[in-house]
Amino acid sequence: MARLILFNKPYGVLSQFTDKGTADSPRATLSDHIALPGVYPAGRLDRDSEGLLVLTDDGRQQARIANPRFKAPKTYLVQVEGAPDDAALAALRSGVTLKDGPTRPAQVSRIDPPDLWPRDPPVRYRKSVPDTWLSLTITEGRNRQVRRMTAHVGHPTLRLVRWRVGDWTLDGLTPGQWRDA
C-alpha cells in the first residue's frame, strides 16, 4: 500500500530533500523535518510559500497529484496588498493571461483573516496600504502561478499558504509537522 504524508512546509524550506546551494549558506530542506526513506513531494511549494505539501512513495500517485492534466484542485489562503475590487476577482475567476499563456479559471473569494501561525519573518506591514485575504483555488500548478495571477490583477501576494490539495487539508498541522494521510 502506498504511503501518503501530509506536511506543513514552513516558510523558507525548500520542497526537496537536498540543496545544491553553497556550503557556507545551507538552506533548510525537507530532510530537516522528515526522516522517511523513499517518499517524494507530489508537486512543489516555493521557498517563500507555506503550507500543505503532499509526499508519497508511489510514482503513479505522485503524478496524479502533481500533473495539471489530472486537475487536482489546490486551495491557497492568500494575503494580498490592497483591496481587490469585483473586477479583479472576476478576472481571476475567468482566468488571466500570463507570460506563459492563459490560466484556467480560478475559484476566488474574499475571506476574513485566517487564524494562522505567525510567519517568521513576519510579513511586512504598511500603515498606508491595506491588505486583503483571499481563498483561491486553482487546478494547475505553474511556477509561482498564484503570485503571478494576483500581481497581474494589481495585488501582489504578501503571504501564501496552501491549505488544501484535493481532499487533503492542512487542518491540525503546525509548521514543520507531518502525519500519514
Protein backbone atom coordinates (compact mmCIF):
# COMPACT_ATOMS: atom_id res chain seq x y z
CA MET A 1 0.00 0.00 0.00
CA ALA A 2 1.28 3.45 -0.94
CA ARG A 3 2.41 5.78 1.81
CA LEU A 4 1.00 9.29 1.79
CA ILE A 5 2.38 12.03 4.02
CA LEU A 6 0.84 15.45 4.68
CA PHE A 7 3.44 18.04 5.68
CA ASN A 8 3.06 21.66 6.74
CA LYS A 9 6.03 23.20 4.97
CA PRO A 10 7.34 26.21 6.85
CA TYR A 11 8.37 29.44 5.17
CA GLY A 12 11.97 29.27 3.93
CA VAL A 13 12.11 25.49 3.46
CA LEU A 14 12.88 24.07 0.01
CA SER A 15 10.44 21.46 -1.36
CA GLN A 16 13.25 18.94 -1.82
CA PHE A 17 15.40 16.75 0.38
CA THR A 18 18.79 18.12 -0.67
CA ASP A 19 20.17 21.52 -1.54
CA LYS A 20 22.91 22.13 -4.08
CA GLY A 21 23.45 25.63 -2.67
CA THR A 22 26.77 26.73 -1.31
CA ALA A 23 28.28 25.02 1.74
CA ASP A 24 28.71 28.33 3.56
CA SER A 25 24.99 29.17 3.36
CA PRO A 26 22.95 25.97 3.64
CA ARG A 27 19.20 26.28 3.14
CA ALA A 28 16.53 24.34 5.01
CA THR A 29 15.13 21.34 3.15
CA LEU A 30 12.53 18.63 3.72
CA SER A 31 15.23 16.44 5.28
CA ASP A 32 15.36 18.89 8.20
CA HIS A 33 11.78 17.85 9.04
CA ILE A 34 11.08 14.43 7.53
CA ALA A 35 13.34 11.41 8.03
CA LEU A 36 11.43 8.87 5.95
CA PRO A 37 13.18 6.99 3.17
CA GLY A 38 11.55 6.67 -0.23
CA VAL A 39 8.94 9.44 -0.09
CA TYR A 40 9.00 12.33 -2.53
CA PRO A 41 6.95 15.52 -2.89
CA ALA A 42 3.97 15.40 -5.22
CA GLY A 43 4.35 18.92 -6.53
CA ARG A 44 6.25 21.84 -5.10
CA LEU A 45 5.83 24.90 -2.98
CA ASP A 46 8.19 27.83 -3.41
CA ARG A 47 10.67 28.51 -0.66
CA ASP A 48 8.73 31.65 0.31
CA SER A 49 5.36 29.84 0.39
CA GLU A 50 3.99 27.83 3.27
CA GLY A 51 1.51 25.08 3.84
CA LEU A 52 0.43 21.69 2.63
CA LEU A 53 2.93 19.58 0.77
CA VAL A 54 1.88 16.01 -0.05
CA LEU A 55 4.60 13.37 -0.21
CA THR A 56 4.28 9.77 -1.37
CA ASP A 57 6.34 6.70 -2.19
CA ASP A 58 4.11 5.86 -5.18
CA GLY A 59 5.16 7.37 -8.51
CA ARG A 60 1.71 6.99 -10.05
CA GLN A 61 0.05 8.72 -7.14
CA GLN A 62 2.71 11.42 -7.24
CA ALA A 63 1.87 12.09 -10.91
CA ARG A 64 -1.90 12.13 -10.28
CA ILE A 65 -1.48 14.76 -7.57
CA ALA A 66 1.11 16.95 -9.30
CA ASN A 67 0.26 16.74 -13.01
CA PRO A 68 -2.12 19.52 -14.17
CA ARG A 69 -3.68 17.03 -16.61
CA PHE A 70 -5.50 15.46 -13.63
CA LYS A 71 -6.78 18.87 -12.43
CA ALA A 72 -6.38 18.22 -8.69
CA PRO A 73 -7.74 21.36 -7.03
CA LYS A 74 -5.32 23.24 -4.79
CA THR A 75 -6.66 25.87 -2.40
CA TYR A 76 -4.48 28.70 -1.14
CA LEU A 77 -5.03 31.31 1.55
CA VAL A 78 -3.51 34.41 0.02
CA GLN A 79 -2.76 37.71 1.69
CA VAL A 80 -2.53 40.38 -0.99
CA GLU A 81 -1.57 44.00 -0.99
CA GLY A 82 -4.52 46.34 -1.37
CA ALA A 83 -8.21 45.54 -1.63
CA PRO A 84 -9.13 43.72 -4.85
CA ASP A 85 -12.36 45.01 -6.36
CA ASP A 86 -15.01 42.88 -8.04
CA ALA A 87 -13.36 43.37 -11.45
CA ALA A 88 -10.05 41.96 -10.19
CA LEU A 89 -11.80 38.93 -8.68
CA ALA A 90 -13.82 38.45 -11.89
CA ALA A 91 -10.58 38.44 -13.90
CA LEU A 92 -9.15 35.69 -11.69
CA ARG A 93 -12.41 33.72 -11.99
CA SER A 94 -12.23 33.96 -15.78
CA GLY A 95 -8.54 33.15 -16.00
CA VAL A 96 -5.80 35.66 -16.73
CA THR A 97 -3.16 35.62 -19.42
CA LEU A 98 0.36 35.38 -18.03
CA LYS A 99 3.64 35.39 -19.97
CA ASP A 100 3.41 31.59 -20.31
CA GLY A 101 -0.20 31.68 -21.52
CA PRO A 102 -3.73 31.83 -20.13
CA THR A 103 -4.56 30.26 -16.79
CA ARG A 104 -7.58 28.12 -16.14
CA PRO A 105 -10.37 29.89 -14.28
CA ALA A 106 -9.85 30.08 -10.51
CA GLN A 107 -12.36 29.98 -7.70
CA VAL A 108 -11.72 33.05 -5.58
CA SER A 109 -13.40 34.87 -2.72
CA ARG A 110 -12.51 37.42 -0.09
CA ILE A 111 -12.20 35.89 3.38
CA ASP A 112 -11.66 37.12 6.91
CA PRO A 113 -8.03 36.91 8.04
CA PRO A 114 -7.48 33.21 8.84
CA ASP A 115 -6.26 32.03 12.23
CA LEU A 116 -2.75 31.04 11.15
CA TRP A 117 0.56 30.69 12.93
CA PRO A 118 2.83 33.74 12.89
CA ARG A 119 5.24 33.77 9.99
CA ASP A 120 8.96 34.04 10.60
CA PRO A 121 9.99 36.50 9.29
CA PRO A 122 6.73 38.43 9.56
CA VAL A 123 5.01 39.84 6.50
CA ARG A 124 5.89 43.49 6.03
CA TYR A 125 3.26 45.82 7.36
CA ARG A 126 2.49 49.18 5.74
CA LYS A 127 0.22 51.51 7.63
CA SER A 128 -0.92 53.33 4.49
CA VAL A 129 -1.63 50.25 2.35
CA PRO A 130 -4.39 47.82 3.35
CA ASP A 131 -4.17 44.10 2.77
CA THR A 132 -6.85 41.54 2.00
CA TRP A 133 -7.09 37.77 2.42
CA LEU A 134 -8.42 35.62 -0.42
CA SER A 135 -9.23 31.95 -0.76
CA LEU A 136 -8.06 30.96 -4.23
CA THR A 137 -8.42 27.51 -5.80
CA ILE A 138 -6.62 26.51 -9.00
CA THR A 139 -6.33 23.25 -10.92
CA GLU A 140 -2.89 23.92 -12.36
CA GLY A 141 0.46 24.36 -10.71
CA ARG A 142 2.71 26.54 -12.81
CA ASN A 143 5.80 28.12 -11.34
CA ARG A 144 4.72 30.84 -8.87
CA GLN A 145 1.30 30.84 -10.53
CA VAL A 146 -0.81 32.26 -7.70
CA ARG A 147 1.69 35.05 -7.06
CA ARG A 148 1.77 35.91 -10.76
CA MET A 149 -2.03 35.85 -11.01
CA THR A 150 -2.59 38.22 -8.09
CA ALA A 151 0.16 40.55 -9.34
CA HIS A 152 -1.45 40.50 -12.80
CA VAL A 153 -4.65 41.96 -11.36
CA GLY A 154 -2.69 44.59 -9.40
CA HIS A 155 -2.49 42.95 -5.98
CA PRO A 156 0.91 41.42 -5.19
CA THR A 157 0.93 38.46 -2.82
CA LEU A 158 2.33 39.14 0.64
CA ARG A 159 1.77 35.69 2.15
CA LEU A 160 0.80 32.41 0.50
CA VAL A 161 -0.37 29.34 2.41
CA ARG A 162 -1.53 26.23 0.56
CA TRP A 163 -4.40 24.89 2.64
CA ARG A 164 -5.80 22.05 0.53
CA VAL A 165 -4.71 19.62 -2.19
CA GLY A 166 -7.62 17.53 -3.46
CA ASP A 167 -9.33 16.13 -0.36
CA TRP A 168 -6.34 16.62 1.97
CA THR A 169 -6.05 19.69 4.17
CA LEU A 170 -3.54 21.28 6.48
CA ASP A 171 -6.03 21.17 9.33
CA GLY A 172 -4.34 20.31 12.63
CA LEU A 173 -0.73 20.51 11.37
CA THR A 174 1.63 23.15 12.71
CA PRO A 175 4.60 24.33 10.63
CA GLY A 176 7.22 21.59 10.31
CA GLN A 177 4.79 18.87 11.43
CA TRP A 178 3.71 15.90 9.29
CA ARG A 179 1.30 12.97 9.53
CA ASP A 180 0.24 9.98 7.50
CA ALA A 181 -2.90 10.64 5.45
